[in-house]
């Protein structure tokens, strides 16, 4: 096994069961911590890469234990704490976190495999949206079908049926339908789980849900859904007047204020999700197409892991540059170093980059003032630095060339010889911060940025791999296209774009079913009115407009409800990005227009059918 760039023999003393995918603690192999202590015995208290797990006594107070930990740390690390304060790096506090809280709490430092709870909230919200809309549909469709059962209800009441019995019957039907839907939902969940795992980049299993507490929650949800969906229709249907229903004069639900209100709620949710989908798509497109300040196309990032071997890194650069198809090759440090400096009587935190003179030309990042590092100036490697525009702005320099800065507590001062144009060295979720570039020979390289020709990429990569293995035969050749790495920064946004799109389609589809039900109910209540209008000469278009106009009003009301909520949600979500797509006003009427078109298409089937019906059939009975 290779540990720290050298091979060491280890004896396998046990095999552990594979950790489940939803576990916070996952591993491929485990080494004794004493081995790490022996390898690097002088680790500082400020080294935070390893979380420590404690088993407290049942009577212990976690708050008191944390207080004692911090008191001991203040004494044991007093000298290092003073150094940190002198560097302006602040301090940290030791704390305890219960094991069940680890999985969904990203605030604790150095906890691995943590899931952001906001995603659970979003998925739960989408699920509740869909469930609420389904319940609304059940209510509307049940009431819409009430006229077909009016005579049944009237006869049962005439022969002595009580309202309580009818309520129990209709609630029982609701429970039966929900039970069938519940069983179908389980089958559907099993069928679509692989698709969802692929969409959400998860490895979820239904076995995770086989928990007594969760099963109890499912039963409560099932009974609550059955009651909510069936209670109001049961009250409406059981309240029919038997005389009027037997003579065909019954009313399904008066003016149907509740059903109309529920349709407004449905389309408010649908419009909200449409607006959210448009913003997510717009932001994702912005993130993946915005100019980064450098050219990430045909740019390879090769990780070498030979930080301390200066001779090898120099030889690799020379040999990489000779490979056919390679336009430029430049080494850089491996990893990220964020530290502090003093410039113009100001303390400035900056991103440190260790590079050579080929780095900026390889990335195609221009200089805006001064010059780049150069082999013609040997002094550049000792006391000269480059800074970016963000650093100049933070320091307040009017003429930065020749200015000097102090990094950490270094007694010497570094002279600025050039200013680099700002570029997005991080993702667009982060604002461009101050950068300092150095070519100090005492610093180490660990990566290469290689600009290649797009003409024959596979051949060029094969040539680079051959060179690498000739000089470093015991390590795999690790490379990535920088464009792919940048795209991976937005994998989460890409997944949520797909998830919210699917949710929007499902919500719109279910909302249309509800609107179809309400249209059916309205047309059945107005069947004689429509017949009279046709006899008096009303056209198909006029009757269709009459029926559709009422629903258009409901959709517009839903739009005015959804827009402010959607605007607030989109604005809040976009605040998580340092660079955002503008909140264009036209997105909102576009979403409204899409909702109106879908609603009109849904209603038009019923409206046209009613307007083309034979008026004789609707008027011949009373």
Foldseek 3Di string as FASTA:
>chain_A
DDDLNRDDDDDDPDDDDADDQLALDGDDDDDDVVVVCVVPVPDAPPDDQDDDDDDDDPPDDQVVVQVVVQVVCCVVCVVVQVLCVLQVNHDDGDHDDDRVCLQADPPDPNRGNHDDCVVVVVVVVLVVLLLLLLLLLLQLLLLLCLLVCLQVLLVCVVVPHALVVLLVVQLVVLLVVLVVVVVVVVVVCVVCVVVLCVLQVGDDDCVVCPDPVNVVVVVVVSSVSSCSSRRVSSVQSSPWDSVCSNQVNTASHVPPPVSLVSLLSLLLVLLLLLLVLVQLVLFLVCQLPPAFLFDLPQKKKWFASPFPDPVLVVVLQVQLCPQPFWDHKWWKAPDWDWGWKAFLNDIFIATEIAIAQRVCVLRVWDFPDFDGHDPVDVCQQPAEKEKEPQVCVVRVDPDQAQGWMGTSVDPDIHGYRTYIYFGPPDGQLDDGHMYMYHNHPVGTTGMMIIRGHPPDVVSSVVSSQVSSCVSVVPDHTDMDRSSVVRSVVCSNSSSVSVVSVVSSVSSLVSSLSSLLSNLSSVCVNCLLVLLVCVVVPDALVRQLCVSLVVVLVSLVSSLVVNVVVSVVVSVVVQVSGNDRDDPDPVSSVVSSVVSSVSNSVSSSVSSSVSNPDNSCVVPVRD
